[in-house]
Amino acid sequence: MKLKDTIRFIKKYFSKQKKLFIKSFILLFFSSIIGVSFGYLLGLATENVVSSNFSIAIIIFIFYLILNIINNLYFQKKGNLCMKKACSNTMEEIGSEVYRKVSMLPAKAFEEMSSGELINRIVNDSSTITDTFRQLVNAFGTFFGVLLIFIYILFNSYVIALEIIIYFIIFYIVSKKYLPLIEKMQKSIQEDKDKTVAEVNESIRGIREIRALGIREGITEKVKAIIHSTFKKSYKQMVDSENYYKNTNALGSAFEITIFITCIILIALNKSDISFFIAMTYYVYRFTFLIDYAMDILTSYQKVKVSINRVNEILNNKLYSDIKFGTLHNTNIVGNIEFKNVTFKYSDNEEYILKDFNLYLPSNKKIAIVGKSGQGKTTLFNLLLRYFDVNSGVILIDDQPIEDFDEESFNQNIAVIRQEPFLFNKTISENFLVLDNYMSLNKVRKACKLAEIDDYIMSLPNKYDTLIGEGGINLSGGQKQRIAISRALLKNSKIILFDEATSALDNENQSKIKKAIDNLVENHTIIIIAHRLSTIIDADIIYLIDQGRVVAQGTHKELIKNNKLYQELYNNEN
């Protein structure tokens, strides 16, 4: 990543806190001046001691003590607090913005990027950026203090000023050798950290299944291998950093001794005095401290370049484009759906799933879509939910292209119930309150009764305050689906999609889900994808899909009588 890109990023996000940063910088700048004044005051006090002016020397030290107390209790304290607040606000904004952009990524992004990588970009990279910027602002205050010291030195000895310039040139040459190595390794480490977070997250979420399959040891070894790789690379980076630090520290020691010897020679030649020498015994360490600070910042900068680049890939849509919505606002639709001449394939290397596909789905009907696996049934839902957009043709809701709806309208109008619905690791009631924090329990229970789940919830010891567990692990598949149906009802979506919603349920749960669906038909467009035809024999319309086309439609009785493919699917099930 180029320096100008880094500066552009910093300007965009950190400038919003510029008042706090400027206030912090001014306070820390004065703090730095007070700090560097000690060398001059120490030399002045020493000169007065040599001249037997003891009372003046004591007054100088008392004066510095007062300055130091003011510095610690006001300038440094206030400056650091302003800095921390500004960085905290900025980190919050970057993290929130990255999360918002991640939530707008197309479905393809979540197939190609791991959850660990996305989590690290939201949390860790944002933190790395703000921590480095805090170092940078602190360094500026230190730099200006050292600049004042350099001016003082230049007026007293151009020879020592020249030695300082040579020292900085050599430091630059050493840094140019090691810093690219550190940056390269940091990029690889970040990639391994993404894998680690993804693997650990997945293995913890699926720990019961992992134990049941008897693969705990294998998964553990896999995670250990990734962690080992990460720490191996981290160690290599630490070796490069240590070599960098030791070389620059050796350079710093040579610099200090050179300055002290030069001061002694200048005193011997009557070209300097003891007060300057004493001041330099303090100031020389300010320069080496600045170099130490610079080393930390430069190594951090190599890391922050990686983090800014990773964050920018999301923020500036370098990897994927955001889902784009229109401007049509309508949350009170009739619910008629039409696929009109739709052509679609998932990637350029694949065959078309749908080609000139046409389908009309009327509102207030229970509609089933059936067919063999891989014939395009799930693709219809993926397109209708805009996880993917069509290559050509159009999908209409009430004669309006779905791309024309604004985000609120589109999400409000459609709900989906999956075979494995996603539930938050919260209480049952909190899983409904995500829709509306002020939703009443009576309203929630009314929806749950329609979904045939209220009786079960009320039988639990904690009723609606029962903790669901991660992934709804404390509930059966049927119970999770009925809660998801209740949530869809409370969302007040006109169109409700059921994606294989009953394919893995026992007869009792299947019967309850069917009853819950029947309760919805009068006021909703119900579309069901089903492998088990016995679950949809009472559907108002059944569409049979084959080779990406509608090859038959009708009721169960009509299709079982007239269509051989449907007969085959039904007979294979029984």
Protein backbone atom coordinates (compact mmCIF):
# COMPACT_ATOMS: atom_id res chain seq x y z
CA MET A 1 0.00 0.00 0.00
CA LYS A 2 1.37 3.41 -0.99
CA LEU A 3 1.98 6.20 1.53
CA LYS A 4 -0.56 8.48 -0.18
CA ASP A 5 -3.26 5.81 0.27
CA THR A 6 -2.41 5.56 3.97
CA ILE A 7 -2.57 9.35 4.33
CA ARG A 8 -5.89 9.44 2.46
CA PHE A 9 -7.34 6.82 4.80
CA ILE A 10 -6.08 8.63 7.92
CA LYS A 11 -7.46 11.94 6.65
CA LYS A 12 -10.88 10.42 6.00
CA TYR A 13 -11.43 8.72 9.34
CA PHE A 14 -9.18 10.50 11.82
CA SER A 15 -10.09 14.02 10.70
CA LYS A 16 -13.56 13.55 12.20
CA GLN A 17 -11.89 13.63 15.63
CA LYS A 18 -9.50 16.43 14.66
CA LYS A 19 -10.52 18.74 17.52
CA LEU A 20 -9.60 16.10 20.07
CA PHE A 21 -6.42 15.19 18.19
CA ILE A 22 -5.35 18.85 17.92
CA LYS A 23 -6.07 19.43 21.60
CA SER A 24 -4.13 16.30 22.48
CA PHE A 25 -1.24 17.29 20.24
CA ILE A 26 -0.98 20.79 21.75
CA LEU A 27 -1.05 19.45 25.31
CA LEU A 28 1.53 16.75 24.56
CA PHE A 29 3.65 19.25 22.67
CA PHE A 30 3.89 21.49 25.74
CA SER A 31 4.51 18.39 27.84
CA SER A 32 7.41 17.51 25.56
CA ILE A 33 8.88 21.04 25.82
CA ILE A 34 8.77 20.86 29.62
CA GLY A 35 10.45 17.46 29.40
CA VAL A 36 13.29 18.63 27.15
CA SER A 37 13.87 21.75 29.24
CA PHE A 38 15.33 19.58 31.99
CA GLY A 39 18.63 19.09 30.10
CA TYR A 40 19.19 22.82 29.84
CA LEU A 41 18.18 23.40 33.47
CA LEU A 42 20.40 20.54 34.62
CA GLY A 43 23.39 22.03 32.82
CA LEU A 44 22.59 25.48 34.21
CA ALA A 45 22.27 24.12 37.75
CA THR A 46 25.56 22.20 37.43
CA GLU A 47 27.36 25.34 36.22
CA ASN A 48 26.07 27.22 39.30
CA VAL A 49 27.22 24.38 41.59
CA VAL A 50 30.72 24.55 40.04
CA SER A 51 30.64 28.32 40.59
CA SER A 52 29.50 27.75 44.22
CA ASN A 53 26.10 29.44 43.56
CA PHE A 54 24.30 26.71 45.52
CA SER A 55 21.12 28.65 46.27
CA ILE A 56 20.57 29.41 42.56
CA ALA A 57 21.13 25.72 41.73
CA ILE A 58 18.49 24.70 44.31
CA ILE A 59 16.02 27.29 42.95
CA ILE A 60 16.52 25.88 39.43
CA PHE A 61 15.73 22.35 40.62
CA ILE A 62 12.66 23.55 42.58
CA PHE A 63 11.49 25.39 39.47
CA TYR A 64 11.85 22.22 37.41
CA LEU A 65 9.98 20.22 40.08
CA ILE A 66 7.04 22.64 39.82
CA LEU A 67 7.10 22.39 36.01
CA ASN A 68 7.21 18.60 36.20
CA ILE A 69 4.21 18.44 38.58
CA ILE A 70 2.20 20.74 36.29
CA ASN A 71 3.23 18.62 33.32
CA ASN A 72 2.21 15.29 34.90
CA LEU A 73 -1.06 16.48 36.42
CA TYR A 74 -2.26 18.62 33.51
CA PHE A 75 -0.47 18.60 30.15
CA GLN A 76 0.45 14.90 30.01
CA LYS A 77 -2.68 13.62 31.75
CA LYS A 78 -5.13 15.73 29.68
CA GLY A 79 -3.21 15.09 26.47
CA ASN A 80 -3.24 11.31 26.92
CA LEU A 81 -6.95 11.28 27.84
CA CYS A 82 -7.86 13.33 24.75
CA MET A 83 -5.73 11.03 22.62
CA LYS A 84 -7.33 7.86 24.01
CA LYS A 85 -10.84 9.24 23.55
CA ALA A 86 -10.14 10.33 19.96
CA CYS A 87 -8.60 6.94 19.09
CA SER A 88 -11.43 5.06 20.78
CA ASN A 89 -14.04 7.06 18.82
CA THR A 90 -12.13 6.49 15.59
CA MET A 91 -11.73 2.76 16.19
CA GLU A 92 -15.46 2.54 16.89
CA GLU A 93 -16.26 4.35 13.65
CA ILE A 94 -13.89 2.25 11.51
CA GLY A 95 -15.11 -1.01 13.06
CA SER A 96 -18.76 0.01 12.64
CA GLU A 97 -18.22 1.12 9.04
CA VAL A 98 -16.39 -2.10 8.13
CA TYR A 99 -19.19 -4.14 9.76
CA ARG A 100 -21.81 -2.15 7.84
CA LYS A 101 -19.97 -2.78 4.58
CA VAL A 102 -19.56 -6.47 5.38
CA SER A 103 -23.32 -6.70 5.95
CA MET A 104 -23.81 -5.30 2.43
CA LEU A 105 -21.52 -7.82 0.71
CA PRO A 106 -23.07 -10.22 -1.81
CA ALA A 107 -23.54 -13.91 -0.95
CA LYS A 108 -20.47 -14.76 -3.03
CA ALA A 109 -18.24 -12.93 -0.54
CA PHE A 110 -19.32 -15.16 2.34
CA GLU A 111 -18.65 -18.24 0.23
CA GLU A 112 -15.12 -17.12 -0.67
CA MET A 113 -14.06 -15.41 2.59
CA SER A 114 -13.99 -17.10 5.98
CA SER A 115 -15.82 -15.70 8.99
CA GLY A 116 -12.44 -15.44 10.74
CA GLU A 117 -11.06 -13.15 8.04
CA LEU A 118 -14.09 -10.87 8.20
CA ILE A 119 -14.06 -10.77 12.02
CA ASN A 120 -10.36 -9.89 12.07
CA ARG A 121 -10.89 -7.07 9.58
CA ILE A 122 -13.71 -5.63 11.68
CA VAL A 123 -12.05 -5.95 15.10
CA ASN A 124 -8.28 -6.51 14.99
CA ASP A 125 -7.38 -4.43 11.95
CA SER A 126 -9.40 -1.46 13.25
CA SER A 127 -7.56 -1.70 16.57
CA THR A 128 -4.14 -1.93 14.88
CA ILE A 129 -4.83 1.20 12.82
CA THR A 130 -5.89 3.37 15.78
CA ASP A 131 -3.10 2.13 18.07
CA THR A 132 -0.49 3.03 15.45
CA PHE A 133 -2.04 6.45 14.87
CA ARG A 134 -1.91 7.14 18.62
CA GLN A 135 1.80 6.31 18.53
CA LEU A 136 2.21 8.61 15.56
CA VAL A 137 0.60 11.63 17.25
CA ASN A 138 2.66 11.05 20.41
CA ALA A 139 5.77 10.85 18.24
CA PHE A 140 5.00 14.22 16.64
CA GLY A 141 5.04 15.86 20.05
CA THR A 142 8.34 14.17 20.84
CA PHE A 143 9.71 15.14 17.42
CA PHE A 144 9.04 18.85 17.94
CA GLY A 145 10.67 18.69 21.37
CA VAL A 146 13.76 17.06 19.84
CA LEU A 147 13.74 19.67 17.06
CA LEU A 148 14.05 22.39 19.70
CA ILE A 149 16.98 20.45 21.22
CA PHE A 150 18.62 20.21 17.79
CA ILE A 151 18.32 23.99 17.31
CA TYR A 152 19.89 24.49 20.76
CA ILE A 153 22.74 22.10 19.80
CA LEU A 154 23.24 23.76 16.41
CA PHE A 155 23.79 27.14 18.11
CA ASN A 156 26.31 25.59 20.50
CA SER A 157 28.19 23.15 18.22
CA TYR A 158 27.71 22.51 14.51
CA VAL A 159 30.08 19.51 14.83
CA ILE A 160 27.70 17.67 17.17
CA ALA A 161 24.73 18.75 15.01
CA LEU A 162 26.49 17.13 12.00
CA GLU A 163 27.07 13.91 14.00
CA ILE A 164 23.35 13.78 14.78
CA ILE A 165 22.47 14.13 11.08
CA ILE A 166 24.90 11.30 10.16
CA TYR A 167 23.35 9.13 12.89
CA PHE A 168 19.85 9.59 11.42
CA ILE A 169 21.09 8.80 7.89
CA ILE A 170 22.65 5.51 9.05
CA PHE A 171 19.45 4.69 10.96
CA TYR A 172 17.44 5.22 7.77
CA ILE A 173 19.71 2.82 5.82
CA VAL A 174 19.35 0.10 8.48
CA SER A 175 15.56 0.57 8.58
CA LYS A 176 15.28 0.25 4.81
CA LYS A 177 16.77 -3.24 5.05
CA TYR A 178 14.57 -4.69 7.79
CA LEU A 179 11.14 -3.02 7.50
CA PRO A 180 10.05 -4.63 4.19
CA LEU A 181 10.77 -8.07 5.73
CA ILE A 182 8.57 -7.24 8.71
CA GLU A 183 5.72 -6.02 6.47
CA LYS A 184 5.83 -9.14 4.27
CA MET A 185 5.71 -11.45 7.26
CA GLN A 186 2.87 -9.44 8.87
CA LYS A 187 0.65 -10.01 5.83
CA SER A 188 1.21 -13.76 6.04
CA ILE A 189 0.58 -13.75 9.81
CA GLN A 190 -2.74 -11.94 9.34
CA GLU A 191 -3.86 -14.55 6.81
CA ASP A 192 -3.03 -17.33 9.28
CA LYS A 193 -4.87 -15.52 12.06
CA ASP A 194 -7.95 -15.35 9.81
CA LYS A 195 -7.78 -19.12 9.34
CA THR A 196 -7.30 -19.68 13.08
CA VAL A 197 -10.34 -17.61 14.07
CA ALA A 198 -12.47 -19.32 11.40
CA GLU A 199 -11.41 -22.84 12.43
CA VAL A 200 -11.78 -22.20 16.16
CA ASN A 201 -15.17 -20.53 15.68
CA GLU A 202 -16.45 -23.39 13.53
CA SER A 203 -15.10 -26.13 15.80
CA ILE A 204 -16.61 -24.59 18.93
CA ARG A 205 -20.01 -24.11 17.27
CA GLY A 206 -19.97 -27.72 16.09
CA ILE A 207 -18.35 -29.31 19.15
CA ARG A 208 -21.24 -31.71 19.78
CA GLU A 209 -21.22 -32.98 16.21
CA ILE A 210 -17.41 -33.22 16.25
CA ARG A 211 -17.52 -35.40 19.36
CA ALA A 212 -20.36 -37.51 17.99
CA LEU A 213 -18.38 -38.17 14.79
CA GLY A 214 -15.27 -39.09 16.80
CA ILE A 215 -13.13 -36.52 14.97
CA ARG A 216 -12.15 -34.32 17.91
CA GLU A 217 -8.48 -35.35 17.74
CA GLY A 218 -8.32 -34.74 14.00
CA ILE A 219 -9.90 -31.27 14.28
CA THR A 220 -7.63 -30.44 17.22
CA GLU A 221 -4.55 -31.39 15.20
CA LYS A 222 -5.75 -29.26 12.29
CA VAL A 223 -6.24 -26.21 14.54
CA LYS A 224 -2.87 -26.87 16.21
CA ALA A 225 -1.18 -26.93 12.79
CA ILE A 226 -2.62 -23.54 11.87
CA ILE A 227 -1.68 -22.07 15.26
CA HIS A 228 1.83 -23.54 14.89
CA SER A 229 2.20 -21.92 11.47
CA THR A 230 1.04 -18.57 12.86
CA PHE A 231 3.47 -18.64 15.78
CA LYS A 232 6.31 -19.87 13.58
CA LYS A 233 5.84 -16.85 11.32
CA SER A 234 5.40 -14.59 14.35
CA TYR A 235 8.70 -15.87 15.71
CA LYS A 236 10.40 -15.17 12.36
CA GLN A 237 8.98 -11.67 12.47
CA MET A 238 10.20 -11.28 16.06
CA VAL A 239 13.71 -12.38 14.96
CA ASP A 240 13.72 -9.75 12.19
CA SER A 241 12.41 -7.14 14.64
CA GLU A 242 15.00 -8.16 17.25
CA ASN A 243 17.82 -7.90 14.69
CA TYR A 244 16.50 -4.49 13.72
CA TYR A 245 16.32 -3.31 17.33
CA LYS A 246 19.77 -4.68 18.28
CA ASN A 247 21.47 -3.12 15.27
CA THR A 248 19.87 0.25 15.93
CA ASN A 249 20.61 -0.02 19.67
CA ALA A 250 24.28 -0.71 18.89
CA LEU A 251 24.18 2.28 16.57
CA GLY A 252 22.62 4.33 19.38
CA SER A 253 25.33 3.34 21.85
CA ALA A 254 28.05 4.32 19.35
CA PHE A 255 26.22 7.62 18.83
CA GLU A 256 26.08 8.38 22.58
CA ILE A 257 29.78 7.69 23.16
CA THR A 258 30.72 9.69 20.07
CA ILE A 259 28.73 12.70 21.35
CA PHE A 260 30.30 12.49 24.83
CA ILE A 261 33.86 12.22 23.44
CA THR A 262 33.20 15.15 21.10
CA CYS A 263 31.95 17.27 24.03
CA ILE A 264 35.09 16.45 26.03
CA ILE A 265 37.31 17.39 23.06
CA LEU A 266 35.41 20.66 22.60
CA ILE A 267 35.84 21.53 26.31
CA ALA A 268 39.54 20.69 26.05
CA LEU A 269 39.82 23.07 23.09
CA ASN A 270 37.87 25.78 25.00
CA LYS A 271 35.11 25.63 22.37
CA SER A 272 32.41 24.54 24.81
CA ASP A 273 31.65 24.55 28.53
CA ILE A 274 30.57 22.18 31.29
CA SER A 275 26.89 23.27 31.20
CA PHE A 276 26.58 22.21 27.53
CA PHE A 277 28.29 18.90 28.29
CA ILE A 278 25.91 18.18 31.20
CA ALA A 279 22.93 19.17 29.01
CA MET A 280 24.14 16.73 26.31
CA THR A 281 24.36 13.88 28.82
CA TYR A 282 20.60 14.30 29.05
CA TYR A 283 19.74 15.35 25.49
CA VAL A 284 21.63 12.55 23.79
CA TYR A 285 19.16 10.13 25.30
CA ARG A 286 16.27 12.17 23.93
CA PHE A 287 17.61 11.46 20.45
CA THR A 288 18.07 7.76 21.10
CA PHE A 289 14.58 7.73 22.69
CA LEU A 290 13.21 9.32 19.53
CA ILE A 291 14.94 6.64 17.47
CA ASP A 292 13.42 3.92 19.69
CA TYR A 293 10.05 5.59 19.21
CA ALA A 294 10.65 5.79 15.48
CA MET A 295 11.55 2.08 15.36
CA ASP A 296 8.31 1.18 17.12
CA ILE A 297 6.33 3.39 14.77
CA LEU A 298 8.08 2.12 11.65
CA THR A 299 7.54 -1.54 12.59
CA SER A 300 3.95 -0.71 13.53
CA TYR A 301 3.56 1.14 10.26
CA GLN A 302 4.44 -2.01 8.33
CA LYS A 303 1.65 -3.76 10.24
CA VAL A 304 -0.80 -0.90 9.87
CA LYS A 305 -0.24 -0.77 6.09
CA VAL A 306 -1.43 -4.36 5.94
CA SER A 307 -4.43 -3.58 8.17
CA ILE A 308 -5.42 -0.43 6.25
CA ASN A 309 -5.17 -2.34 2.98
CA ARG A 310 -7.37 -5.15 4.35
CA VAL A 311 -9.92 -2.66 5.69
CA ASN A 312 -9.87 -0.63 2.48
CA GLU A 313 -10.57 -3.74 0.42
CA ILE A 314 -13.92 -3.89 2.20
CA LEU A 315 -14.65 -0.17 2.54
CA ASN A 316 -13.77 0.69 -1.07
CA ASN A 317 -15.37 -2.40 -2.65
CA LYS A 318 -12.06 -3.65 -4.06
CA LEU A 319 -13.07 -7.28 -3.59
CA TYR A 320 -16.84 -7.18 -4.02
CA SER A 321 -19.51 -4.64 -4.88
CA ASP A 322 -22.27 -3.80 -2.41
CA ILE A 323 -25.78 -5.02 -2.97
CA LYS A 324 -27.54 -2.11 -4.66
CA PHE A 325 -31.13 -1.22 -3.86
CA GLY A 326 -33.57 1.07 -5.61
CA THR A 327 -35.71 3.94 -4.34
CA LEU A 328 -39.20 2.40 -4.45
CA HIS A 329 -40.68 2.34 -0.94
CA ASN A 330 -43.61 -0.04 -0.57
CA THR A 331 -44.08 -2.23 2.50
CA ASN A 332 -47.71 -3.04 1.75
CA ILE A 333 -47.49 -5.28 -1.30
CA VAL A 334 -50.09 -7.71 -2.65
CA GLY A 335 -47.46 -10.43 -3.03
CA ASN A 336 -47.63 -11.57 -6.66
CA ILE A 337 -44.26 -12.79 -7.96
CA GLU A 338 -43.11 -13.35 -11.54
CA PHE A 339 -39.86 -14.66 -13.02
CA LYS A 340 -39.73 -13.30 -16.55
CA ASN A 341 -37.20 -14.67 -19.07
CA VAL A 342 -34.66 -15.17 -16.29
CA THR A 343 -31.23 -16.53 -17.20
CA PHE A 344 -28.66 -17.26 -14.51
CA LYS A 345 -25.47 -19.15 -13.71
CA TYR A 346 -23.31 -18.86 -10.58
CA SER A 347 -19.97 -18.36 -12.33
CA ASP A 348 -18.56 -18.00 -15.82
CA ASN A 349 -17.13 -21.51 -15.65
CA GLU A 350 -20.46 -23.19 -14.90
CA GLU A 351 -23.45 -24.14 -17.00
CA TYR A 352 -26.61 -22.05 -16.86
CA ILE A 353 -28.91 -23.12 -14.00
CA LEU A 354 -31.84 -21.20 -15.48
CA LYS A 355 -32.30 -20.16 -19.09
CA ASP A 356 -35.23 -18.03 -20.30
CA PHE A 357 -37.04 -19.15 -17.17
CA ASN A 358 -40.66 -18.05 -16.63
CA LEU A 359 -42.82 -18.60 -13.55
CA TYR A 360 -45.81 -16.82 -12.01
CA LEU A 361 -46.53 -17.15 -8.27
CA PRO A 362 -49.89 -15.64 -7.18
CA SER A 363 -50.47 -14.18 -3.74
CA ASN A 364 -52.47 -15.77 -0.91
CA LYS A 365 -51.64 -19.24 -2.18
CA LYS A 366 -49.67 -22.18 -0.88
CA ILE A 367 -47.25 -22.88 -3.71
CA ALA A 368 -44.76 -25.73 -3.86
CA ILE A 369 -41.71 -26.04 -6.11
CA VAL A 370 -40.46 -29.60 -6.57
CA GLY A 371 -37.96 -31.47 -8.69
CA LYS A 372 -34.79 -33.53 -8.57
CA SER A 373 -31.71 -32.17 -6.80
CA GLY A 374 -29.66 -29.65 -8.77
CA GLN A 375 -32.47 -28.54 -11.06
CA GLY A 376 -32.64 -24.92 -9.84
CA LYS A 377 -35.15 -24.93 -6.98
CA THR A 378 -32.85 -23.35 -4.38
CA THR A 379 -31.51 -20.99 -7.06
CA LEU A 380 -35.00 -19.50 -7.38
CA PHE A 381 -34.92 -18.54 -3.69
CA ASN A 382 -31.34 -17.25 -3.97
CA LEU A 383 -32.43 -14.93 -6.78
CA LEU A 384 -35.69 -13.90 -5.14
CA LEU A 385 -33.81 -13.03 -1.93
CA ARG A 386 -31.19 -11.20 -4.03
CA TYR A 387 -28.30 -13.27 -2.70
CA PHE A 388 -27.40 -13.26 -6.38
CA ASP A 389 -28.72 -11.10 -9.22
CA VAL A 390 -29.96 -12.49 -12.54
CA ASN A 391 -27.68 -12.45 -15.60
CA SER A 392 -30.62 -11.42 -17.74
CA GLY A 393 -34.39 -11.15 -17.46
CA VAL A 394 -36.26 -9.75 -14.49
CA ILE A 395 -37.95 -10.83 -11.26
CA LEU A 396 -41.10 -8.84 -10.44
CA ILE A 397 -43.07 -8.34 -7.25
CA ASP A 398 -46.45 -6.77 -8.03
CA ASP A 399 -45.12 -5.92 -11.51
CA GLN A 400 -42.13 -4.03 -10.03
CA PRO A 401 -38.54 -5.28 -10.58
CA ILE A 402 -37.15 -6.38 -7.22
CA GLU A 403 -34.05 -4.21 -7.81
CA ASP A 404 -36.30 -1.12 -7.69
CA PHE A 405 -37.33 -1.63 -4.04
CA ASP A 406 -35.36 0.22 -1.36
CA GLU A 407 -33.61 -1.90 1.26
CA GLU A 408 -36.26 -1.46 3.96
CA SER A 409 -39.14 -2.39 1.65
CA PHE A 410 -37.36 -5.36 0.12
CA ASN A 411 -36.32 -6.87 3.46
CA GLN A 412 -39.71 -6.13 5.01
CA ASN A 413 -41.66 -7.86 2.25
CA ILE A 414 -39.85 -11.22 2.19
CA ALA A 415 -39.00 -13.70 4.95
CA VAL A 416 -37.38 -17.11 4.63
CA ILE A 417 -37.62 -20.21 6.85
CA ARG A 418 -34.76 -22.64 6.31
CA GLN A 419 -34.26 -26.26 7.25
CA GLU A 420 -31.79 -24.99 9.86
CA PRO A 421 -33.01 -21.48 10.80
CA PHE A 422 -30.52 -19.07 12.35
CA LEU A 423 -31.37 -18.10 15.91
CA PHE A 424 -29.35 -15.77 18.11
CA ASN A 425 -27.66 -17.05 21.25
CA LYS A 426 -30.16 -15.14 23.37
CA THR A 427 -33.42 -15.87 25.14
CA ILE A 428 -36.50 -16.81 23.12
CA SER A 429 -38.07 -13.40 23.72
CA GLU A 430 -34.85 -11.59 22.72
CA ASN A 431 -34.92 -13.47 19.40
CA PHE A 432 -38.20 -11.67 18.72
CA LEU A 433 -37.16 -8.32 20.18
CA VAL A 434 -34.40 -8.01 17.54
CA LEU A 435 -37.26 -6.98 15.25
CA ASP A 436 -38.60 -4.35 17.65
CA ASN A 437 -37.27 -3.60 21.13
CA TYR A 438 -40.73 -2.43 22.22
CA MET A 439 -42.67 -5.46 21.00
CA SER A 440 -45.12 -6.70 23.65
CA LEU A 441 -45.11 -10.27 24.94
CA ASN A 442 -48.79 -10.59 24.00
CA LYS A 443 -47.95 -9.82 20.37
CA VAL A 444 -45.11 -12.33 20.44
CA ARG A 445 -47.33 -15.04 21.94
CA LYS A 446 -50.03 -14.43 19.35
CA ALA A 447 -47.53 -15.12 16.56
CA CYS A 448 -46.16 -18.16 18.40
CA LYS A 449 -49.66 -19.59 18.75
CA LEU A 450 -50.16 -19.33 14.99
CA ALA A 451 -46.84 -21.13 14.57
CA GLU A 452 -47.88 -23.88 17.03
CA ILE A 453 -44.96 -23.21 19.41
CA ASP A 454 -46.48 -21.17 22.27
CA ASP A 455 -47.63 -24.21 24.27
CA TYR A 456 -44.13 -25.68 24.23
CA ILE A 457 -42.47 -22.39 25.26
CA MET A 458 -44.92 -21.88 28.13
CA SER A 459 -44.12 -25.41 29.39
CA LEU A 460 -40.46 -24.46 29.90
CA PRO A 461 -39.31 -23.43 33.43
CA ASN A 462 -38.24 -19.96 32.22
CA LYS A 463 -40.86 -19.75 29.46
CA TYR A 464 -39.95 -16.95 27.01
CA ASP A 465 -36.83 -16.12 29.05
CA THR A 466 -35.29 -19.51 28.19
CA LEU A 467 -31.80 -19.22 26.70
CA ILE A 468 -31.72 -20.78 23.24
CA GLY A 469 -27.98 -21.48 23.09
CA GLU A 470 -25.58 -20.88 20.22
CA GLY A 471 -27.21 -21.85 16.94
CA GLY A 472 -30.41 -22.76 18.83
CA ILE A 473 -28.65 -25.86 20.17
CA ASN A 474 -31.12 -26.30 23.04
CA LEU A 475 -34.07 -26.69 20.64
CA SER A 476 -35.10 -29.39 18.19
CA GLY A 477 -35.21 -28.71 14.45
CA GLY A 478 -39.00 -28.40 14.45
CA GLN A 479 -39.00 -26.04 17.43
CA LYS A 480 -36.40 -23.79 15.78
CA GLN A 481 -38.44 -23.70 12.59
CA ARG A 482 -41.63 -22.79 14.40
CA ILE A 483 -39.83 -19.98 16.24
CA ALA A 484 -38.50 -18.81 12.87
CA ILE A 485 -42.05 -18.88 11.48
CA SER A 486 -43.24 -16.80 14.46
CA ARG A 487 -40.46 -14.31 13.81
CA ALA A 488 -41.45 -14.07 10.15
CA LEU A 489 -45.05 -13.38 11.19
CA LEU A 490 -43.95 -10.62 13.56
CA LYS A 491 -41.81 -9.19 10.79
CA ASN A 492 -45.11 -8.92 8.89
CA SER A 493 -43.65 -10.13 5.60
CA LYS A 494 -46.20 -10.72 2.87
CA ILE A 495 -44.03 -13.31 1.12
CA ILE A 496 -42.76 -16.24 3.20
CA LEU A 497 -40.36 -18.77 1.70
CA PHE A 498 -39.87 -22.25 3.14
CA ASP A 499 -36.61 -23.82 1.99
CA GLU A 500 -36.78 -27.59 2.66
CA ALA A 501 -38.46 -26.61 5.92
CA THR A 502 -39.87 -30.04 6.77
CA SER A 503 -37.46 -32.42 5.05
CA ALA A 504 -35.61 -33.49 8.21
CA LEU A 505 -38.49 -33.55 10.71
CA ASP A 506 -40.34 -36.39 12.35
CA ASN A 507 -44.03 -36.85 11.64
CA GLU A 508 -45.21 -34.94 14.73
CA ASN A 509 -43.08 -31.86 14.00
CA GLN A 510 -43.88 -32.11 10.31
CA SER A 511 -47.59 -32.05 11.12
CA LYS A 512 -47.15 -28.97 13.34
CA ILE A 513 -45.16 -27.13 10.69
CA LYS A 514 -47.82 -27.94 8.09
CA LYS A 515 -50.51 -26.62 10.41
CA ALA A 516 -48.48 -23.46 11.04
CA ILE A 517 -48.10 -22.94 7.29
CA ASP A 518 -51.83 -23.47 6.74
CA ASN A 519 -52.49 -20.73 9.31
CA LEU A 520 -50.54 -18.29 7.12
CA VAL A 521 -51.94 -18.96 3.67
CA GLU A 522 -54.95 -16.64 3.84
CA ASN A 523 -52.84 -13.46 4.16
CA HIS A 524 -49.48 -14.46 2.70
CA THR A 525 -47.79 -15.75 -0.39
CA ILE A 526 -46.35 -19.07 0.76
CA ILE A 527 -43.70 -20.69 -1.43
CA ILE A 528 -42.25 -24.05 -0.41
CA ILE A 529 -39.25 -25.90 -1.80
CA ALA A 530 -39.67 -29.56 -0.90
CA HIS A 531 -37.96 -32.89 -1.50
CA ARG A 532 -40.58 -34.82 0.43
CA LEU A 533 -43.67 -34.55 -1.75
CA SER A 534 -45.88 -35.92 1.03
CA THR A 535 -45.43 -32.58 2.82
CA ILE A 536 -46.93 -30.52 -0.03
CA ILE A 537 -49.73 -32.70 -1.45
CA ASP A 538 -52.27 -30.14 -0.22
CA ALA A 539 -50.54 -27.19 -1.95
CA ASP A 540 -52.74 -24.96 -4.10
CA ILE A 541 -50.24 -25.09 -6.97
CA ILE A 542 -47.23 -27.37 -7.47
CA TYR A 543 -44.57 -26.42 -10.02
CA LEU A 544 -42.30 -29.19 -11.28
CA ILE A 545 -38.81 -27.98 -12.23
CA ASP A 546 -36.46 -29.96 -14.48
CA GLN A 547 -33.32 -28.82 -16.27
CA GLY A 548 -33.93 -25.27 -15.09
CA ARG A 549 -37.43 -25.04 -16.58
CA VAL A 550 -41.03 -25.45 -15.43
CA VAL A 551 -42.09 -28.70 -17.07
CA ALA A 552 -45.46 -29.14 -15.34
CA GLN A 553 -47.84 -27.45 -12.92
CA GLY A 554 -51.05 -28.30 -11.12
CA THR A 555 -52.35 -29.87 -7.92
CA HIS A 556 -50.95 -33.08 -6.51
CA LYS A 557 -53.87 -35.10 -7.91
CA GLU A 558 -53.40 -33.62 -11.37
CA LEU A 559 -49.65 -34.19 -11.47
CA ILE A 560 -49.72 -37.71 -10.02
CA LYS A 561 -52.24 -38.61 -12.69
CA ASN A 562 -50.66 -36.93 -15.72
CA ASN A 563 -46.90 -36.47 -15.21
CA LYS A 564 -44.42 -39.37 -15.27
CA LEU A 565 -41.54 -37.40 -13.68
CA TYR A 566 -43.75 -36.35 -10.77
CA GLN A 567 -44.99 -39.95 -10.41
CA GLU A 568 -41.37 -41.12 -10.30
CA LEU A 569 -40.42 -38.59 -7.61
CA TYR A 570 -43.45 -39.49 -5.52
CA ASN A 571 -43.03 -43.26 -5.87
CA ASN A 572 -39.29 -43.09 -5.03
CA GLU A 573 -40.21 -41.37 -1.78
CA ASN A 574 -42.70 -44.08 -0.89
